[in-house]
Amino acid sequence: MITREAFEGLLQDPAAHERRVEWCRTAASAFDEAGYAVWVTGWTVQDDGTLSLGIVLQMTGEVAQGTVTLLDENRHYAAAALVRQLVECEYLAWLFGEYPDEAATWLRALPDDRQRLFRPAAMRKRSKGRFRTEEYASHCERGGHPAPAGAFMLPGRRDSRQLAESRWQWVNLGQHLERCWALTRVALSSHDLVEALPRGLERHLEDSRGQWHANDRLASRATRLTVVDGDRAIELVGETAVEEQGAAQ
């Protein structure tokens, strides 16, 4: 466990926050660039699997860039909703890397079949524990569906769960982007598409990620972290803040 004061101190550290924000911006742009390059390759060679991976990567970049914009404008609840969608992009990146033929299936599937085969619950089942139901449910409660649990992120609230003016959301986004890029790298290798990436993109990404980890202790924390705040424990479950009343003494 870590005290609330210590955790907020890590969130407030200027150098750490600057690097985590820089990483989020860099990764969001990189997904957009990579996705377009892969999509162009797929269109050129007329390969459905390559087209699918390019589409998903571009969608990842669009969602990530939208999240960055919303966080810049202090639209925390809306940003949380987009991060839930980013989680679903992670699922597809994993699937396309682990089972390359599924990429073309995703593109060709009829709506009913796509819902049955690629809905989040089905993907988690196929991952055999890689993706946790609790993490996804946490994102749904706080941003995926209108629910009371997300009210603390609305404008004008003075809620203790804001955690350093919601800087925890940049940590959350950064961790998801890092995880998604690792899965994307596997998918690119599985489809023989590493060479399709724009020149210098991977080096730029790795430099930004390295600076983030070198300056931000929260970049490497376990995905399950309990923050003690008086008689409450605020727990990061899959990088998302969850409050449990009376959980800490």
Protein backbone atom coordinates (compact mmCIF):
# COMPACT_ATOMS: atom_id res chain seq x y z
CA MET A 1 0.00 0.00 0.00
CA ILE A 2 0.97 3.63 -0.44
CA THR A 3 -0.45 6.59 1.44
CA ARG A 4 -2.65 9.02 -0.40
CA GLU A 5 -0.15 11.81 0.29
CA ALA A 6 2.72 9.82 -1.20
CA PHE A 7 0.69 8.84 -4.22
CA GLU A 8 -0.44 12.40 -4.88
CA GLY A 9 3.17 13.50 -4.48
CA LEU A 10 4.16 11.16 -7.29
CA LEU A 11 1.29 12.45 -9.43
CA GLN A 12 2.21 16.09 -8.79
CA ASP A 13 5.93 15.75 -9.53
CA PRO A 14 6.49 18.21 -12.43
CA ALA A 15 9.12 16.21 -14.29
CA ALA A 16 7.13 12.98 -13.96
CA HIS A 17 3.92 14.59 -15.18
CA GLU A 18 5.64 16.26 -18.11
CA ARG A 19 7.12 12.98 -19.28
CA ARG A 20 3.92 10.97 -18.86
CA VAL A 21 1.98 13.54 -20.88
CA GLU A 22 4.70 13.60 -23.53
CA TRP A 23 4.55 9.81 -23.78
CA CYS A 24 0.76 9.86 -24.21
CA ARG A 25 0.99 12.44 -26.99
CA THR A 26 3.84 10.64 -28.72
CA ALA A 27 2.17 7.23 -28.55
CA ALA A 28 -1.20 8.56 -29.72
CA SER A 29 0.38 10.12 -32.80
CA ALA A 30 2.49 7.01 -33.44
CA PHE A 31 -0.57 4.76 -33.52
CA ASP A 32 -2.20 7.07 -36.05
CA GLU A 33 0.91 7.10 -38.27
CA ALA A 34 1.49 3.37 -37.97
CA GLY A 35 -2.13 2.56 -38.68
CA TYR A 36 -2.25 4.65 -41.82
CA ALA A 37 1.00 3.13 -43.12
CA VAL A 38 -0.25 -0.40 -42.48
CA TRP A 39 -3.64 0.37 -44.04
CA VAL A 40 -1.97 1.75 -47.18
CA THR A 41 0.10 -1.43 -47.39
CA GLY A 42 -3.04 -3.54 -47.08
CA TRP A 43 -4.84 -1.52 -49.73
CA THR A 44 -1.84 -1.82 -52.06
CA VAL A 45 -1.51 -5.58 -51.78
CA GLN A 46 -5.26 -6.15 -51.28
CA ASP A 47 -4.83 -8.15 -48.08
CA ASP A 48 -7.77 -8.14 -45.66
CA GLY A 49 -5.71 -9.04 -42.62
CA THR A 50 -3.33 -6.13 -43.20
CA LEU A 51 -6.25 -3.77 -43.84
CA SER A 52 -7.86 -4.86 -40.56
CA LEU A 53 -4.72 -4.26 -38.53
CA GLY A 54 -4.28 -0.85 -40.12
CA ILE A 55 -7.88 0.09 -39.34
CA VAL A 56 -7.61 -0.96 -35.70
CA LEU A 57 -4.32 0.89 -35.24
CA GLN A 58 -5.77 4.04 -36.77
CA MET A 59 -8.79 3.72 -34.50
CA THR A 60 -6.42 3.34 -31.55
CA GLY A 61 -4.61 6.51 -32.57
CA GLU A 62 -7.87 8.42 -33.03
CA VAL A 63 -9.19 7.32 -29.64
CA ALA A 64 -5.88 8.10 -27.92
CA GLN A 65 -5.59 11.53 -29.52
CA GLY A 66 -9.18 12.27 -28.57
CA THR A 67 -8.44 11.28 -24.98
CA VAL A 68 -5.42 13.57 -24.88
CA THR A 69 -7.51 16.46 -26.20
CA LEU A 70 -10.22 15.86 -23.61
CA LEU A 71 -7.71 15.67 -20.76
CA ASP A 72 -6.12 18.90 -21.98
CA GLU A 73 -9.57 20.50 -21.70
CA ASN A 74 -10.28 18.92 -18.28
CA ARG A 75 -13.11 16.79 -19.65
CA HIS A 76 -12.25 13.90 -17.37
CA TYR A 77 -15.45 11.88 -17.60
CA ALA A 78 -15.48 11.99 -21.40
CA ALA A 79 -11.81 11.00 -21.43
CA ALA A 80 -12.60 8.00 -19.25
CA ALA A 81 -15.24 6.91 -21.75
CA LEU A 82 -12.68 6.91 -24.56
CA VAL A 83 -10.16 4.92 -22.51
CA ARG A 84 -12.76 2.16 -22.20
CA GLN A 85 -12.81 2.04 -26.00
CA LEU A 86 -9.01 1.95 -26.02
CA VAL A 87 -9.17 -1.23 -23.93
CA GLU A 88 -11.23 -2.86 -26.68
CA CYS A 89 -8.58 -1.85 -29.22
CA GLU A 90 -6.03 -3.64 -27.03
CA TYR A 91 -8.12 -6.79 -27.23
CA LEU A 92 -8.08 -6.69 -31.04
CA ALA A 93 -4.36 -5.95 -31.23
CA TRP A 94 -3.75 -9.00 -29.06
CA LEU A 95 -6.06 -11.20 -31.13
CA PHE A 96 -4.53 -10.18 -34.46
CA GLY A 97 -1.07 -10.97 -33.10
CA GLU A 98 -1.95 -14.26 -31.46
CA TYR A 99 -4.26 -15.50 -34.23
CA PRO A 100 -3.31 -13.64 -37.46
CA ASP A 101 -6.14 -15.17 -39.53
CA GLU A 102 -8.70 -13.58 -37.21
CA ALA A 103 -7.83 -10.13 -38.57
CA ALA A 104 -9.38 -10.93 -41.96
CA THR A 105 -12.33 -12.63 -40.24
CA TRP A 106 -13.00 -9.45 -38.27
CA LEU A 107 -13.11 -7.40 -41.47
CA ARG A 108 -15.38 -9.78 -43.38
CA ALA A 109 -17.75 -10.74 -40.56
CA LEU A 110 -21.39 -9.76 -40.69
CA PRO A 111 -22.54 -7.53 -37.78
CA ASP A 112 -24.18 -10.39 -35.86
CA ASP A 113 -21.13 -12.62 -36.26
CA ARG A 114 -18.77 -9.80 -35.31
CA GLN A 115 -20.77 -9.17 -32.16
CA ARG A 116 -20.71 -12.85 -31.27
CA LEU A 117 -17.04 -13.47 -32.02
CA PHE A 118 -15.40 -10.19 -31.08
CA ARG A 119 -17.46 -8.70 -28.27
CA PRO A 120 -15.34 -7.84 -25.20
CA ALA A 121 -16.56 -10.78 -23.10
CA ALA A 122 -15.74 -13.26 -25.86
CA MET A 123 -12.29 -11.75 -26.30
CA ARG A 124 -11.53 -11.95 -22.60
CA LYS A 125 -12.57 -15.60 -22.57
CA ARG A 126 -10.25 -16.34 -25.47
CA SER A 127 -7.37 -14.53 -23.76
CA LYS A 128 -7.48 -17.07 -20.88
CA GLY A 129 -6.91 -14.49 -18.17
CA ARG A 130 -4.67 -12.05 -19.98
CA PHE A 131 -7.44 -9.44 -19.81
CA ARG A 132 -9.39 -9.21 -16.55
CA THR A 133 -13.13 -8.80 -16.32
CA GLU A 134 -12.67 -6.56 -13.25
CA GLU A 135 -10.57 -4.10 -15.22
CA TYR A 136 -13.08 -3.81 -18.03
CA ALA A 137 -16.00 -3.53 -15.60
CA SER A 138 -14.19 -0.76 -13.76
CA HIS A 139 -13.78 1.21 -16.98
CA CYS A 140 -17.44 0.65 -17.88
CA GLU A 141 -18.62 1.90 -14.49
CA ARG A 142 -16.52 5.06 -14.65
CA GLY A 143 -16.75 5.99 -18.29
CA GLY A 144 -18.23 3.35 -20.54
CA HIS A 145 -21.83 3.60 -19.39
CA PRO A 146 -23.68 6.42 -17.59
CA ALA A 147 -23.41 5.31 -13.96
CA PRO A 148 -23.11 7.03 -10.56
CA ALA A 149 -19.57 5.75 -10.14
CA GLY A 150 -18.33 8.21 -12.77
CA ALA A 151 -19.89 11.31 -11.20
CA PHE A 152 -16.72 12.26 -9.34
CA MET A 153 -15.06 13.17 -12.65
CA LEU A 154 -17.71 15.70 -13.67
CA PRO A 155 -16.91 19.45 -13.71
CA GLY A 156 -17.13 21.41 -10.49
CA ARG A 157 -16.83 18.44 -8.16
CA ARG A 158 -14.67 18.61 -5.05
CA ASP A 159 -14.25 14.90 -4.61
CA SER A 160 -11.23 13.34 -2.92
CA ARG A 161 -11.06 10.73 -5.67
CA GLN A 162 -9.95 13.36 -8.17
CA LEU A 163 -6.39 12.55 -7.04
CA ALA A 164 -4.18 15.54 -7.87
CA GLU A 165 -6.60 17.17 -10.29
CA SER A 166 -7.14 13.87 -12.09
CA ARG A 167 -3.51 13.48 -13.12
CA TRP A 168 -4.01 9.80 -12.43
CA GLN A 169 -5.86 9.68 -15.76
CA TRP A 170 -2.64 10.47 -17.63
CA VAL A 171 -0.98 7.55 -15.83
CA ASN A 172 -3.95 5.38 -16.77
CA LEU A 173 -3.80 6.41 -20.43
CA GLY A 174 -0.02 6.02 -20.56
CA GLN A 175 -0.13 2.50 -19.20
CA HIS A 176 -2.82 1.44 -21.65
CA LEU A 177 -0.92 2.91 -24.58
CA GLU A 178 2.24 1.14 -23.49
CA ARG A 179 0.43 -2.17 -23.20
CA CYS A 180 -1.31 -1.67 -26.53
CA TRP A 181 1.94 -0.89 -28.30
CA ALA A 182 3.54 -4.08 -26.97
CA LEU A 183 0.60 -6.05 -28.34
CA THR A 184 0.74 -4.13 -31.62
CA ARG A 185 4.42 -4.96 -32.05
CA VAL A 186 3.57 -8.67 -31.83
CA ALA A 187 0.74 -8.23 -34.32
CA LEU A 188 3.00 -6.40 -36.77
CA SER A 189 5.53 -9.21 -36.54
CA SER A 190 2.84 -11.86 -37.00
CA HIS A 191 1.73 -10.15 -40.21
CA ASP A 192 5.28 -9.37 -41.44
CA LEU A 193 4.53 -5.67 -41.31
CA VAL A 194 7.29 -4.24 -39.13
CA GLU A 195 8.99 -2.82 -42.22
CA ALA A 196 5.78 -0.99 -43.12
CA LEU A 197 6.21 1.40 -40.18
CA PRO A 198 7.38 4.95 -40.96
CA ARG A 199 11.14 5.34 -40.62
CA GLY A 200 12.22 6.31 -37.12
CA LEU A 201 8.80 5.81 -35.53
CA GLU A 202 9.81 2.95 -33.23
CA ARG A 203 12.97 4.73 -32.07
CA HIS A 204 10.98 7.89 -31.31
CA LEU A 205 8.43 5.86 -29.38
CA GLU A 206 11.05 4.00 -27.39
CA ASP A 207 12.91 7.22 -26.53
CA SER A 208 9.69 8.78 -25.19
CA ARG A 209 8.73 5.65 -23.28
CA GLY A 210 12.22 5.43 -21.78
CA GLN A 211 12.07 9.04 -20.60
CA TRP A 212 8.69 8.40 -19.01
CA HIS A 213 9.92 5.38 -17.08
CA ALA A 214 13.12 7.16 -16.07
CA ASN A 215 11.25 10.10 -14.57
CA ASP A 216 7.91 8.72 -13.34
CA ARG A 217 7.81 6.06 -10.63
CA LEU A 218 4.16 5.42 -11.44
CA ALA A 219 5.05 4.26 -14.95
CA SER A 220 6.25 0.92 -13.62
CA ARG A 221 3.87 0.35 -10.73
CA ALA A 222 1.80 -2.81 -10.65
CA THR A 223 -1.64 -2.46 -12.18
CA ARG A 224 -3.20 -3.11 -8.78
CA LEU A 225 -2.22 -0.44 -6.28
CA THR A 226 -3.96 0.48 -3.05
CA VAL A 227 -3.84 4.07 -1.84
CA VAL A 228 -4.76 4.56 1.81
CA ASP A 229 -6.84 7.64 2.61
CA GLY A 230 -8.01 7.62 6.22
CA ASP A 231 -10.64 4.90 6.57
CA ARG A 232 -10.84 4.36 2.81
CA ALA A 233 -8.68 2.56 0.31
CA ILE A 234 -8.56 3.91 -3.22
CA GLU A 235 -7.43 1.06 -5.39
CA LEU A 236 -6.06 1.24 -8.88
CA VAL A 237 -7.61 -1.74 -10.61
CA GLY A 238 -6.28 -2.05 -14.11
CA GLU A 239 -5.01 1.54 -13.76
CA THR A 240 -8.45 2.87 -12.80
CA ALA A 241 -9.27 4.42 -9.42
CA VAL A 242 -11.80 2.50 -7.38
CA GLU A 243 -12.90 3.45 -3.90
CA GLU A 244 -13.64 0.85 -1.24
CA GLN A 245 -15.21 2.15 1.94
CA GLY A 246 -13.63 0.91 5.16
CA ALA A 247 -11.08 -1.24 3.34
CA ALA A 248 -8.06 0.11 5.21
CA GLN A 249 -7.51 0.51 8.91
